[in-house]
Protein backbone atom coordinates (compact mmCIF):
# COMPACT_ATOMS: atom_id res chain seq x y z
CA MET A 1 78.86 111.99 85.76
CA SER A 2 76.99 109.39 87.47
CA GLU A 3 75.78 109.64 91.13
CA GLN A 4 76.07 105.60 91.12
CA ARG A 5 79.31 105.30 89.12
CA TYR A 6 80.67 102.81 91.66
CA GLU A 7 77.47 100.48 91.54
CA GLY A 8 78.72 96.95 91.45
CA ARG A 9 82.17 97.98 91.96
CA VAL A 10 84.48 96.87 95.06
CA ALA A 11 86.70 99.53 96.90
CA LEU A 12 89.19 98.93 99.81
CA VAL A 13 89.65 101.97 101.95
CA THR A 14 92.50 102.42 104.62
CA GLY A 15 92.32 104.87 107.48
CA ALA A 16 88.38 104.45 107.07
CA GLY A 17 87.77 105.17 110.88
CA SER A 18 88.12 109.04 110.50
CA GLY A 19 89.05 112.03 108.67
CA ILE A 20 89.41 111.69 104.82
CA GLY A 21 89.29 107.97 104.99
CA GLN A 22 85.96 107.88 106.74
CA ALA A 23 84.60 110.53 104.00
CA VAL A 24 86.05 108.29 101.22
CA ALA A 25 84.50 105.25 102.71
CA VAL A 26 80.98 106.73 103.14
CA ARG A 27 81.10 108.52 99.78
CA LEU A 28 82.10 105.44 97.76
CA ALA A 29 79.48 103.39 99.62
CA THR A 30 76.76 105.88 98.63
CA GLU A 31 77.81 105.84 95.20
CA GLY A 32 77.19 102.34 94.82
CA ALA A 33 80.54 100.54 95.85
CA TYR A 34 80.99 97.40 98.04
CA VAL A 35 83.25 99.17 100.82
CA VAL A 36 86.05 97.31 102.76
CA GLY A 37 87.19 99.87 105.10
CA CYS A 38 90.13 99.25 107.65
CA ASP A 39 91.75 101.17 110.44
CA VAL A 40 93.30 100.51 114.01
CA ASP A 41 90.46 102.58 115.52
CA ALA A 42 87.64 100.34 116.24
CA ASP A 43 85.22 102.94 117.50
CA GLY A 44 85.99 105.05 114.34
CA LEU A 45 85.09 102.13 112.06
CA ALA A 46 81.93 101.54 113.98
CA GLU A 47 80.98 105.07 113.20
CA THR A 48 82.06 104.80 109.57
CA GLU A 49 79.85 101.59 109.22
CA LYS A 50 76.87 103.31 111.07
CA GLN A 51 76.98 106.28 108.79
CA ILE A 52 77.06 103.83 105.73
CA VAL A 53 74.09 101.72 106.97
CA ASP A 54 72.19 105.04 107.69
CA ALA A 55 72.82 105.69 103.90
CA GLY A 56 71.04 102.49 103.13
CA ARG A 57 74.32 100.68 102.10
CA THR A 58 76.33 97.83 103.69
CA ALA A 59 80.02 97.84 104.56
CA VAL A 60 82.79 95.37 105.85
CA THR A 61 85.11 96.97 108.32
CA VAL A 62 88.30 95.12 109.34
CA ILE A 63 90.27 96.39 112.50
CA GLY A 64 93.87 96.21 111.22
CA ASP A 65 97.35 98.22 111.05
CA VAL A 66 98.35 98.67 107.32
CA SER A 67 101.98 98.38 108.48
CA VAL A 68 101.59 94.82 109.70
CA GLN A 69 101.68 92.10 106.92
CA ALA A 70 99.55 89.73 108.86
CA ASP A 71 97.01 92.50 109.16
CA VAL A 72 97.22 93.35 105.61
CA GLU A 73 96.45 89.73 104.61
CA ARG A 74 93.38 89.81 106.75
CA ILE A 75 92.16 93.08 105.22
CA VAL A 76 92.74 91.72 101.67
CA ALA A 77 90.92 88.54 102.73
CA ALA A 78 87.90 90.34 103.38
CA LEU A 79 87.47 91.36 99.70
CA PRO A 80 84.38 89.58 98.12
CA ASP A 81 85.60 86.64 96.03
CA GLY A 82 89.10 88.52 95.94
CA ARG A 83 87.69 91.19 93.81
CA ILE A 84 88.80 94.82 93.85
CA ASP A 85 88.30 97.81 91.84
CA LEU A 86 89.64 100.61 93.68
CA LEU A 87 92.33 100.66 96.39
CA ALA A 88 92.40 104.01 98.35
CA ASN A 89 95.41 104.15 100.69
CA VAL A 90 94.28 107.15 102.77
CA ALA A 91 95.93 105.97 106.19
CA GLY A 92 98.67 108.42 107.52
CA ILE A 93 100.37 109.80 110.33
CA MET A 94 102.22 113.09 111.07
CA ASP A 95 105.73 113.28 112.73
CA PHE A 96 105.43 115.93 115.51
CA PHE A 97 107.42 118.52 113.01
CA LEU A 98 110.86 116.85 114.03
CA PRO A 99 113.60 118.05 112.04
CA VAL A 100 116.21 115.49 110.92
CA THR A 101 118.60 116.34 113.83
CA GLU A 102 115.89 115.54 116.25
CA VAL A 103 113.90 112.82 114.78
CA ASP A 104 114.05 109.63 116.83
CA ASP A 105 114.22 106.11 115.38
CA ALA A 106 110.87 105.06 116.65
CA THR A 107 108.94 108.07 115.13
CA TRP A 108 110.92 107.70 111.69
CA GLU A 109 110.07 104.06 111.53
CA ARG A 110 106.45 104.38 112.48
CA VAL A 111 105.92 107.05 110.06
CA MET A 112 107.63 105.35 107.28
CA ALA A 113 106.00 102.05 108.24
CA VAL A 114 102.37 103.61 108.06
CA ASN A 115 102.95 106.30 105.24
CA VAL A 116 104.95 104.13 102.90
CA THR A 117 105.34 100.40 103.87
CA GLY A 118 101.50 100.19 104.22
CA PRO A 119 100.56 101.46 100.98
CA MET A 120 103.25 99.21 99.30
CA ARG A 121 101.97 96.03 100.97
CA LEU A 122 98.28 96.79 99.90
CA SER A 123 99.20 97.78 96.41
CA ARG A 124 101.59 94.37 96.22
CA ALA A 125 98.58 92.26 97.72
CA VAL A 126 95.73 93.84 95.20
CA LEU A 127 97.65 94.38 92.23
CA PRO A 128 97.71 90.68 90.91
CA LEU A 129 93.96 90.54 91.75
CA MET A 130 93.67 93.68 89.58
CA ARG A 131 95.60 92.16 86.51
CA THR A 132 93.63 88.84 86.70
CA ALA A 133 90.33 91.22 86.40
CA GLY A 134 91.87 93.40 83.68
CA GLY A 135 92.17 96.38 85.47
CA GLY A 136 91.68 98.66 88.38
CA ALA A 137 92.65 101.75 90.19
CA ILE A 138 94.87 102.99 93.13
CA VAL A 139 94.53 106.35 94.55
CA ASN A 140 97.24 107.30 97.24
CA VAL A 141 96.55 110.16 99.39
CA ALA A 142 99.87 111.85 99.74
CA SER A 143 100.44 115.54 100.81
CA ILE A 144 101.72 118.95 99.84
CA GLY A 145 104.56 117.75 102.07
CA GLY A 146 105.33 115.32 99.18
CA LEU A 147 106.07 118.41 96.96
CA THR A 148 107.70 120.79 99.46
CA GLY A 149 109.71 120.44 102.59
CA ALA A 150 107.96 123.52 104.16
CA VAL A 151 104.99 121.86 105.93
CA ALA A 152 106.10 119.09 108.21
CA GLY A 153 109.07 117.18 109.72
CA THR A 154 111.69 115.30 107.84
CA ALA A 155 110.00 111.77 108.31
CA TYR A 156 106.53 112.89 106.88
CA VAL A 157 108.11 114.89 104.13
CA THR A 158 110.28 111.90 103.13
CA SER A 159 107.37 109.48 103.47
CA LYS A 160 104.95 111.73 101.07
CA HIS A 161 107.83 112.36 98.47
CA ALA A 162 108.21 108.26 98.54
CA LEU A 163 104.45 107.65 98.36
CA ILE A 164 104.42 109.97 94.95
CA GLY A 165 107.34 107.89 93.73
CA MET A 166 105.58 104.61 94.39
CA THR A 167 102.47 106.18 92.56
CA ARG A 168 104.27 106.93 89.43
CA SER A 169 106.37 103.80 89.45
CA ILE A 170 102.90 101.63 89.65
CA ALA A 171 101.35 103.95 87.04
CA VAL A 172 104.41 103.17 84.40
CA LEU A 173 104.82 99.36 85.32
CA TYR A 174 100.93 98.45 85.34
CA ALA A 175 99.44 100.47 82.59
CA ALA A 176 99.46 97.92 79.97
CA ASP A 177 97.30 95.73 82.44
CA GLY A 178 94.55 98.47 82.52
CA ILE A 179 95.59 99.64 85.97
CA ARG A 180 95.91 103.42 86.75
CA ALA A 181 97.72 104.86 89.89
CA THR A 182 97.31 108.39 90.85
CA ALA A 183 98.24 110.69 94.17
CA ILE A 184 96.49 113.48 95.67
CA CYS A 185 98.37 115.92 97.34
CA PRO A 186 95.98 117.75 100.16
CA GLY A 187 96.99 121.04 102.08
CA GLY A 188 95.49 121.36 105.64
CA VAL A 189 92.47 119.14 106.09
CA GLU A 190 90.21 119.09 109.17
CA THR A 191 91.16 115.53 110.37
CA ASN A 192 92.48 113.98 113.68
CA ILE A 193 95.75 113.71 112.30
CA GLY A 194 96.58 116.24 114.74
CA ARG A 195 97.35 113.89 117.42
CA THR A 196 100.83 113.41 115.81
CA ALA A 197 101.17 117.06 114.82
CA VAL A 198 101.95 118.50 118.18
CA PRO A 199 105.26 120.28 117.71
CA LYS A 200 108.11 119.02 119.71
CA VAL A 201 111.01 121.07 118.81
CA PRO A 202 110.02 125.03 118.68
CA TRP A 203 112.88 126.35 116.65
CA ALA A 204 111.89 123.86 113.81
CA TYR A 205 108.23 124.49 113.88
CA GLU A 206 108.94 128.38 114.14
CA ARG A 207 110.88 128.22 110.73
CA LEU A 208 108.33 125.97 109.25
CA SER A 209 105.20 128.32 110.32
CA THR A 210 106.42 130.98 108.20
CA SER A 211 105.08 129.14 105.33
CA PHE A 212 101.78 128.48 106.85
CA ALA A 213 100.46 131.89 105.88
CA ARG A 214 100.27 130.79 102.46
CA SER A 215 97.24 128.48 103.53
CA THR A 216 93.97 130.14 102.63
CA ARG A 217 91.60 127.71 104.17
CA THR A 218 91.26 124.36 106.05
CA ALA A 219 89.57 121.81 103.77
CA GLN A 220 86.87 119.38 104.89
CA PRO A 221 87.58 115.68 104.46
CA ASP A 222 84.67 115.37 101.85
CA GLU A 223 86.18 117.74 99.69
CA ILE A 224 89.33 115.50 99.26
CA ALA A 225 86.74 112.25 99.15
CA THR A 226 85.08 113.70 96.11
CA LEU A 227 88.57 113.83 94.35
CA VAL A 228 89.39 110.42 95.48
CA SER A 229 85.96 109.06 93.96
CA TRP A 230 86.52 110.66 90.74
CA LEU A 231 90.22 109.60 90.02
CA GLY A 232 89.28 106.26 91.10
CA SER A 233 86.28 105.92 88.67
CA ALA A 234 85.90 105.03 84.96
CA GLU A 235 85.80 109.11 84.40
CA ALA A 236 89.18 109.33 85.00
CA VAL A 237 90.29 106.54 82.56
CA ASN A 238 93.10 108.75 81.03
CA VAL A 239 94.49 109.94 84.30
CA ASN A 240 97.38 107.78 85.18
CA GLY A 241 100.63 108.67 87.10
CA ALA A 242 99.04 112.15 87.80
CA VAL A 243 99.72 114.03 91.12
CA VAL A 244 96.61 116.36 91.76
CA THR A 245 97.07 119.22 94.52
CA SER A 246 94.05 119.93 96.63
CA ASP A 247 95.44 122.68 98.70
CA GLY A 248 93.42 125.88 98.16
CA GLY A 249 96.46 127.45 96.11
CA PHE A 250 99.13 126.82 98.67
CA THR A 251 101.39 125.39 96.06
CA ALA A 252 100.48 127.71 93.38
């Protein structure tokens, strides 16, 4: 393993203003990548850029919403010479643990827009660039909510199952172009996603909380970032279509 395995490579990281996305952007930059980071949080992006600069690297940050097509176009336009080696779709939101009978249209549509439509639009935008270059990698940060219905509300669980399906579809359809797609399913991670994780329906949260006892620990963002880095690197050349859990044994 090389500590500079991304030297000369370009990575686009969504959700780079905090949590896992920030950790991924910083880690890839310190491993040599030219990082384009995006988020809706301007202050968070500024902090990410500072961490990268303090590490002796440079970064480009773009304030943008991955669910908005015009923003996606601006984000992709920031890639140097239209080049990209790794797309890390990290941006995601929760759904207040709402069950299907209680979920409102606004919450459903926003969760699906950020967690599914955003990764689709970014993948759609960069895959032609990767095909032209002869290869690339897409790493989608899903969730154990994409493997079980026992950890969140209906919108979030549905969105993460969909993201895994998208990952597998890309893996099959673009493997011949030298492109790989993988998904990571973290368990609990110490991030600010909690802003959309405040339970709104007590009975639903009570039923879901019975499964939380299986959680042995809360991960730190960089523990997920290390996995993103490896899966997106040439060291994982034979890993395609894989769904990798990083949940401390929650789903074991």
